[in-house]
């Protein structure tokens, strides 16, 4: 059964990032005059590629930025 409410409430950071990117890309596709059926295919491909890429990135493996001097 589907959940009620906003899907963002249960999304993790990666899902929120991909969703924001999809919303921006959808606006671009609309501006290009793409039909909804074509946009859905392109947006699905984008989401899959981005989620695959993000799943390979571990936050633990990223170097932390050096802390600056407090002002």
PDB file of N, CA and C in Angstrom:
ATOM      1  N   UNK A   1       0.846  -1.167   0.000  1.00  0.00           N
ATOM      2  CA  UNK A   1       0.000   0.000   0.000  1.00  0.00           C
ATOM      3  C   UNK A   1       0.896   1.236   0.000  1.00  0.00           C
ATOM      4  N   UNK A   2       0.502   2.267  -0.699  1.00  0.00           N
ATOM      5  CA  UNK A   2       1.290   3.489  -0.779  1.00  0.00           C
ATOM      6  C   UNK A   2       1.230   4.292   0.504  1.00  0.00           C
ATOM      7  N   UNK A   3       2.273   5.029   0.726  1.00  0.00           N
ATOM      8  CA  UNK A   3       2.327   5.887   1.914  1.00  0.00           C
ATOM      9  C   UNK A   3       1.657   7.212   1.615  1.00  0.00           C
ATOM     10  N   UNK A   4       1.149   7.824   2.645  1.00  0.00           N
ATOM     11  CA  UNK A   4       0.530   9.141   2.506  1.00  0.00           C
ATOM     12  C   UNK A   4       1.570  10.203   2.801  1.00  0.00           C
ATOM     13  N   UNK A   5       1.393  11.382   2.229  1.00  0.00           N
ATOM     14  CA  UNK A   5       2.298  12.488   2.513  1.00  0.00           C
ATOM     15  C   UNK A   5       3.308  12.698   1.400  1.00  0.00           C
ATOM     16  N   UNK A   6       4.270  13.523   1.698  1.00  0.00           N
ATOM     17  CA  UNK A   6       5.289  13.905   0.727  1.00  0.00           C
ATOM     18  C   UNK A   6       6.376  12.838   0.668  1.00  0.00           C
ATOM     19  N   UNK A   7       6.777  12.434  -0.534  1.00  0.00           N
ATOM     20  CA  UNK A   7       7.811  11.395  -0.668  1.00  0.00           C
ATOM     21  C   UNK A   7       9.137  11.854  -0.076  1.00  0.00           C
ATOM     22  N   UNK A   8       9.334  13.146   0.018  1.00  0.00           N
ATOM     23  CA  UNK A   8      10.581  13.666   0.586  1.00  0.00           C
ATOM     24  C   UNK A   8      10.727  13.333   2.071  1.00  0.00           C
ATOM     25  N   UNK A   9       9.616  13.087   2.740  1.00  0.00           N
ATOM     26  CA  UNK A   9       9.654  12.793   4.173  1.00  0.00           C
ATOM     27  C   UNK A   9      10.414  11.511   4.485  1.00  0.00           C
ATOM     28  N   UNK A  10      10.409  10.564   3.566  1.00  0.00           N
ATOM     29  CA  UNK A  10      11.057   9.273   3.790  1.00  0.00           C
ATOM     30  C   UNK A  10      12.303   9.078   2.929  1.00  0.00           C
ATOM     31  N   UNK A  11      12.704  10.101   2.181  1.00  0.00           N
ATOM     32  CA  UNK A  11      13.846   9.985   1.272  1.00  0.00           C
ATOM     33  C   UNK A  11      15.159  10.233   2.010  1.00  0.00           C
ATOM     34  N   UNK A  12      16.211   9.532   1.545  1.00  0.00           N
ATOM     35  CA  UNK A  12      17.534   9.797   2.106  1.00  0.00           C
ATOM     36  C   UNK A  12      18.200  10.924   1.312  1.00  0.00           C
ATOM     37  N   UNK A  13      19.400  11.292   1.711  1.00  0.00           N
ATOM     38  CA  UNK A  13      20.091  12.425   1.090  1.00  0.00           C
ATOM     39  C   UNK A  13      20.297  12.220  -0.409  1.00  0.00           C
ATOM     40  N   UNK A  14      20.723  11.033  -0.806  1.00  0.00           N
ATOM     41  CA  UNK A  14      20.945  10.766  -2.228  1.00  0.00           C
ATOM     42  C   UNK A  14      19.651  10.875  -3.025  1.00  0.00           C
ATOM     43  N   UNK A  15      18.573  10.344  -2.486  1.00  0.00           N
ATOM     44  CA  UNK A  15      17.291  10.410  -3.175  1.00  0.00           C
ATOM     45  C   UNK A  15      16.807  11.848  -3.310  1.00  0.00           C
ATOM     46  N   UNK A  16      17.020  12.647  -2.276  1.00  0.00           N
ATOM     47  CA  UNK A  16      16.633  14.060  -2.354  1.00  0.00           C
ATOM     48  C   UNK A  16      17.445  14.799  -3.408  1.00  0.00           C
ATOM     49  N   UNK A  17      18.729  14.487  -3.491  1.00  0.00           N
ATOM     50  CA  UNK A  17      19.596  15.121  -4.490  1.00  0.00           C
ATOM     51  C   UNK A  17      19.144  14.752  -5.900  1.00  0.00           C
ATOM     52  N   UNK A  18      18.884  13.482  -6.128  1.00  0.00           N
ATOM     53  CA  UNK A  18      18.437  13.033  -7.449  1.00  0.00           C
ATOM     54  C   UNK A  18      17.079  13.638  -7.792  1.00  0.00           C
ATOM     55  N   UNK A  19      16.191  13.697  -6.833  1.00  0.00           N
ATOM     56  CA  UNK A  19      14.874  14.286  -7.071  1.00  0.00           C
ATOM     57  C   UNK A  19      14.992  15.752  -7.476  1.00  0.00           C
ATOM     58  N   UNK A  20      15.842  16.496  -6.786  1.00  0.00           N
ATOM     59  CA  UNK A  20      16.044  17.908  -7.136  1.00  0.00           C
ATOM     60  C   UNK A  20      16.614  18.033  -8.547  1.00  0.00           C
ATOM     61  N   UNK A  21      17.555  17.165  -8.897  1.00  0.00           N
ATOM     62  CA  UNK A  21      18.129  17.187 -10.242  1.00  0.00           C
ATOM     63  C   UNK A  21      17.080  16.842 -11.291  1.00  0.00           C
ATOM     64  N   UNK A  22      16.227  15.886 -10.979  1.00  0.00           N
ATOM     65  CA  UNK A  22      15.167  15.503 -11.916  1.00  0.00           C
ATOM     66  C   UNK A  22      14.192  16.649 -12.140  1.00  0.00           C
ATOM     67  N   UNK A  23      13.860  17.371 -11.085  1.00  0.00           N
ATOM     68  CA  UNK A  23      12.941  18.501 -11.226  1.00  0.00           C
ATOM     69  C   UNK A  23      13.533  19.576 -12.133  1.00  0.00           C
ATOM     70  N   UNK A  24      14.819  19.845 -11.960  1.00  0.00           N
ATOM     71  CA  UNK A  24      15.486  20.848 -12.804  1.00  0.00           C
ATOM     72  C   UNK A  24      15.549  20.390 -14.249  1.00  0.00           C
ATOM     73  N   UNK A  25      15.931  19.116 -14.446  1.00  0.00           N
ATOM     74  CA  UNK A  25      16.044  18.574 -15.800  1.00  0.00           C
ATOM     75  C   UNK A  25      14.675  18.531 -16.477  1.00  0.00           C
ATOM     76  N   UNK A  26      13.630  18.207 -15.716  1.00  0.00           N
ATOM     77  CA  UNK A  26      12.287  18.187 -16.276  1.00  0.00           C
ATOM     78  C   UNK A  26      11.893  19.576 -16.792  1.00  0.00           C
ATOM     79  N   UNK A  27      12.245  20.613 -16.042  1.00  0.00           N
ATOM     80  CA  UNK A  27      11.939  21.978 -16.491  1.00  0.00           C
ATOM     81  C   UNK A  27      12.654  22.288 -17.804  1.00  0.00           C
ATOM     82  N   UNK A  28      13.892  21.832 -17.931  1.00  0.00           N
ATOM     83  CA  UNK A  28      14.646  22.045 -19.178  1.00  0.00           C
ATOM     84  C   UNK A  28      13.967  21.306 -20.328  1.00  0.00           C
ATOM     85  N   UNK A  29      13.571  20.060 -20.075  1.00  0.00           N
ATOM     86  CA  UNK A  29      12.920  19.268 -21.125  1.00  0.00           C
ATOM     87  C   UNK A  29      11.590  19.879 -21.545  1.00  0.00           C
ATOM     88  N   UNK A  30      10.852  20.409 -20.590  1.00  0.00           N
ATOM     89  CA  UNK A  30       9.591  21.090 -20.913  1.00  0.00           C
ATOM     90  C   UNK A  30       9.884  22.291 -21.794  1.00  0.00           C
ATOM     91  N   UNK A  31      10.921  23.044 -21.453  1.00  0.00           N
ATOM     92  CA  UNK A  31      11.314  24.199 -22.259  1.00  0.00           C
ATOM     93  C   UNK A  31      11.710  23.820 -23.673  1.00  0.00           C
ATOM     94  N   UNK A  32      12.205  22.599 -23.837  1.00  0.00           N
ATOM     95  CA  UNK A  32      12.580  22.104 -25.166  1.00  0.00           C
ATOM     96  C   UNK A  32      11.391  21.528 -25.924  1.00  0.00           C
ATOM     97  N   UNK A  33      10.228  21.518 -25.274  1.00  0.00           N
ATOM     98  CA  UNK A  33       9.019  21.040 -25.930  1.00  0.00           C
ATOM     99  C   UNK A  33       8.878  19.523 -25.973  1.00  0.00           C
ATOM    100  N   UNK A  34       9.581  18.804 -25.115  1.00  0.00           N
ATOM    101  CA  UNK A  34       9.497  17.339 -25.098  1.00  0.00           C
ATOM    102  C   UNK A  34       8.140  16.903 -24.557  1.00  0.00           C
ATOM    103  N   UNK A  35       7.589  15.857 -25.131  1.00  0.00           N
ATOM    104  CA  UNK A  35       6.324  15.298 -24.655  1.00  0.00           C
ATOM    105  C   UNK A  35       6.553  14.577 -23.337  1.00  0.00           C
ATOM    106  N   UNK A  36       5.482  14.460 -22.550  1.00  0.00           N
ATOM    107  CA  UNK A  36       5.599  13.832 -21.245  1.00  0.00           C
ATOM    108  C   UNK A  36       6.159  12.413 -21.348  1.00  0.00           C
ATOM    109  N   UNK A  37       5.724  11.650 -22.319  1.00  0.00           N
ATOM    110  CA  UNK A  37       6.201  10.268 -22.451  1.00  0.00           C
ATOM    111  C   UNK A  37       7.710  10.221 -22.666  1.00  0.00           C
ATOM    112  N   UNK A  38       8.229  11.138 -23.466  1.00  0.00           N
ATOM    113  CA  UNK A  38       9.670  11.199 -23.712  1.00  0.00           C
ATOM    114  C   UNK A  38      10.408  11.691 -22.467  1.00  0.00           C
ATOM    115  N   UNK A  39       9.826  12.661 -21.779  1.00  0.00           N
ATOM    116  CA  UNK A  39      10.450  13.177 -20.559  1.00  0.00           C
ATOM    117  C   UNK A  39      10.560  12.091 -19.500  1.00  0.00           C
ATOM    118  N   UNK A  40       9.507  11.275 -19.368  1.00  0.00           N
ATOM    119  CA  UNK A  40       9.531  10.218 -18.364  1.00  0.00           C
ATOM    120  C   UNK A  40      10.665   9.226 -18.617  1.00  0.00           C
ATOM    121  N   UNK A  41      10.897   8.879 -19.873  1.00  0.00           N
ATOM    122  CA  UNK A  41      11.989   7.963 -20.216  1.00  0.00           C
ATOM    123  C   UNK A  41      13.330   8.600 -19.861  1.00  0.00           C
ATOM    124  N   UNK A  42      13.528   9.851 -20.248  1.00  0.00           N
ATOM    125  CA  UNK A  42      14.795  10.538 -19.988  1.00  0.00           C
ATOM    126  C   UNK A  42      15.022  10.748 -18.496  1.00  0.00           C
ATOM    127  N   UNK A  43      13.976  11.100 -17.770  1.00  0.00           N
ATOM    128  CA  UNK A  43      14.101  11.316 -16.329  1.00  0.00           C
ATOM    129  C   UNK A  43      14.402  10.010 -15.599  1.00  0.00           C
ATOM    130  N   UNK A  44      13.797   8.926 -16.048  1.00  0.00           N
ATOM    131  CA  UNK A  44      14.070   7.616 -15.433  1.00  0.00           C
ATOM    132  C   UNK A  44      15.532   7.244 -15.652  1.00  0.00           C
ATOM    133  N   UNK A  45      16.029   7.429 -16.871  1.00  0.00           N
ATOM    134  CA  UNK A  45      17.431   7.122 -17.161  1.00  0.00           C
ATOM    135  C   UNK A  45      18.360   7.961 -16.287  1.00  0.00           C
ATOM    136  N   UNK A  46      18.046   9.243 -16.151  1.00  0.00           N
ATOM    137  CA  UNK A  46      18.847  10.133 -15.314  1.00  0.00           C
ATOM    138  C   UNK A  46      18.867   9.647 -13.872  1.00  0.00           C
ATOM    139  N   UNK A  47      17.702   9.308 -13.343  1.00  0.00           N
ATOM    140  CA  UNK A  47      17.601   8.874 -11.946  1.00  0.00           C
ATOM    141  C   UNK A  47      18.402   7.598 -11.708  1.00  0.00           C
ATOM    142  N   UNK A  48      18.295   6.656 -12.614  1.00  0.00           N
ATOM    143  CA  UNK A  48      19.022   5.394 -12.460  1.00  0.00           C
ATOM    144  C   UNK A  48      20.527   5.643 -12.476  1.00  0.00           C
ATOM    145  N   UNK A  49      21.010   6.423 -13.437  1.00  0.00           N
ATOM    146  CA  UNK A  49      22.450   6.705 -13.537  1.00  0.00           C
ATOM    147  C   UNK A  49      22.954   7.426 -12.291  1.00  0.00           C
ATOM    148  N   UNK A  50      22.200   8.423 -11.839  1.00  0.00           N
ATOM    149  CA  UNK A  50      22.648   9.179 -10.677  1.00  0.00           C
ATOM    150  C   UNK A  50      22.627   8.337  -9.414  1.00  0.00           C
ATOM    151  N   UNK A  51      21.601   7.524  -9.211  1.00  0.00           N
ATOM    152  CA  UNK A  51      21.548   6.680  -8.016  1.00  0.00           C
ATOM    153  C   UNK A  51      22.667   5.643  -8.038  1.00  0.00           C
ATOM    154  N   UNK A  52      22.983   5.090  -9.214  1.00  0.00           N
ATOM    155  CA  UNK A  52      24.095   4.140  -9.319  1.00  0.00           C
ATOM    156  C   UNK A  52      25.410   4.823  -8.964  1.00  0.00           C
ATOM    157  N   UNK A  53      25.615   6.021  -9.483  1.00  0.00           N
ATOM    158  CA  UNK A  53      26.843   6.753  -9.209  1.00  0.00           C
ATOM    159  C   UNK A  53      26.949   7.108  -7.737  1.00  0.00           C
ATOM    160  N   UNK A  54      25.881   7.620  -7.179  1.00  0.00           N
ATOM    161  CA  UNK A  54      25.905   8.011  -5.771  1.00  0.00           C
ATOM    162  C   UNK A  54      26.087   6.820  -4.840  1.00  0.00           C
ATOM    163  N   UNK A  55      25.607   5.657  -5.243  1.00  0.00           N
ATOM    164  CA  UNK A  55      25.765   4.474  -4.393  1.00  0.00           C
ATOM    165  C   UNK A  55      27.222   4.033  -4.329  1.00  0.00           C
ATOM    166  N   UNK A  56      28.034   4.435  -5.306  1.00  0.00           N
ATOM    167  CA  UNK A  56      29.454   4.091  -5.321  1.00  0.00           C
ATOM    168  C   UNK A  56      30.288   5.027  -4.460  1.00  0.00           C
ATOM    169  N   UNK A  57      29.727   6.183  -4.135  1.00  0.00           N
ATOM    170  CA  UNK A  57      30.455   7.182  -3.368  1.00  0.00           C
ATOM    171  C   UNK A  57      30.135   6.999  -1.889  1.00  0.00           C
ATOM    172  N   UNK A  58      31.164   6.805  -1.118  1.00  0.00           N
ATOM    173  CA  UNK A  58      30.994   6.686   0.324  1.00  0.00           C
ATOM    174  C   UNK A  58      31.425   7.994   0.958  1.00  0.00           C
ATOM    175  N   UNK A  59      30.598   8.531   1.818  1.00  0.00           N
ATOM    176  CA  UNK A  59      30.948   9.779   2.487  1.00  0.00           C
ATOM    177  C   UNK A  59      32.205   9.595   3.332  1.00  0.00           C
ATOM    178  N   UNK A  60      32.444   8.380   3.812  1.00  0.00           N
ATOM    179  CA  UNK A  60      33.627   8.115   4.620  1.00  0.00           C
ATOM    180  C   UNK A  60      34.910   8.206   3.803  1.00  0.00           C
ATOM    181  N   UNK A  61      34.789   7.943   2.482  1.00  0.00           N
ATOM    182  CA  UNK A  61      35.987   7.950   1.646  1.00  0.00           C
ATOM    183  C   UNK A  61      36.356   9.351   1.161  1.00  0.00           C
ATOM    184  N   UNK A  62      35.441  10.303   1.340  1.00  0.00           N
ATOM    185  CA  UNK A  62      35.727  11.671   0.916  1.00  0.00           C
ATOM    186  C   UNK A  62      36.613  12.358   1.949  1.00  0.00           C
ATOM    187  N   UNK A  63      37.556  13.113   1.474  1.00  0.00           N
ATOM    188  CA  UNK A  63      38.426  13.832   2.383  1.00  0.00           C
ATOM    189  C   UNK A  63      37.666  15.015   2.982  1.00  0.00           C
ATOM    190  N   UNK A  64      37.895  15.226   4.248  1.00  0.00           N
ATOM    191  CA  UNK A  64      37.272  16.375   4.912  1.00  0.00           C
ATOM    192  C   UNK A  64      38.053  17.621   4.569  1.00  0.00           C
ATOM    193  N   UNK A  65      37.354  18.708   4.415  1.00  0.00           N
ATOM    194  CA  UNK A  65      38.006  19.983   4.194  1.00  0.00           C
ATOM    195  C   UNK A  65      38.686  20.426   5.490  1.00  0.00           C
ATOM    196  N   UNK A  66      39.847  21.031   5.360  1.00  0.00           N
ATOM    197  CA  UNK A  66      40.499  21.494   6.592  1.00  0.00           C
ATOM    198  C   UNK A  66      39.629  22.571   7.250  1.00  0.00           C
ATOM    199  N   UNK A  67      39.640  22.545   8.570  1.00  0.00           N
ATOM    200  CA  UNK A  67      38.850  23.536   9.297  1.00  0.00           C
ATOM    201  C   UNK A  67      39.597  24.857   9.284  1.00  0.00           C
ATOM    202  N   UNK A  68      38.871  25.913   9.017  1.00  0.00           N
ATOM    203  CA  UNK A  68      39.470  27.240   8.984  1.00  0.00           C
ATOM    204  C   UNK A  68      39.593  27.818  10.383  1.00  0.00           C
ATOM    205  N   UNK A  69      40.274  28.937  10.457  1.00  0.00           N
ATOM    206  CA  UNK A  69      40.392  29.629  11.740  1.00  0.00           C
ATOM    207  C   UNK A  69      39.059  30.280  12.081  1.00  0.00           C
ATOM    208  N   UNK A  70      38.602  30.095  13.298  1.00  0.00           N
ATOM    209  CA  UNK A  70      37.354  30.765  13.692  1.00  0.00           C
ATOM    210  C   UNK A  70      37.556  32.260  13.750  1.00  0.00           C
ATOM    211  N   UNK A  71      36.570  32.969  13.298  1.00  0.00           N
ATOM    212  CA  UNK A  71      36.678  34.439  13.293  1.00  0.00           C
ATOM    213  C   UNK A  71      35.842  35.039  14.374  1.00  0.00           C
TER     214      UNK A  71
END
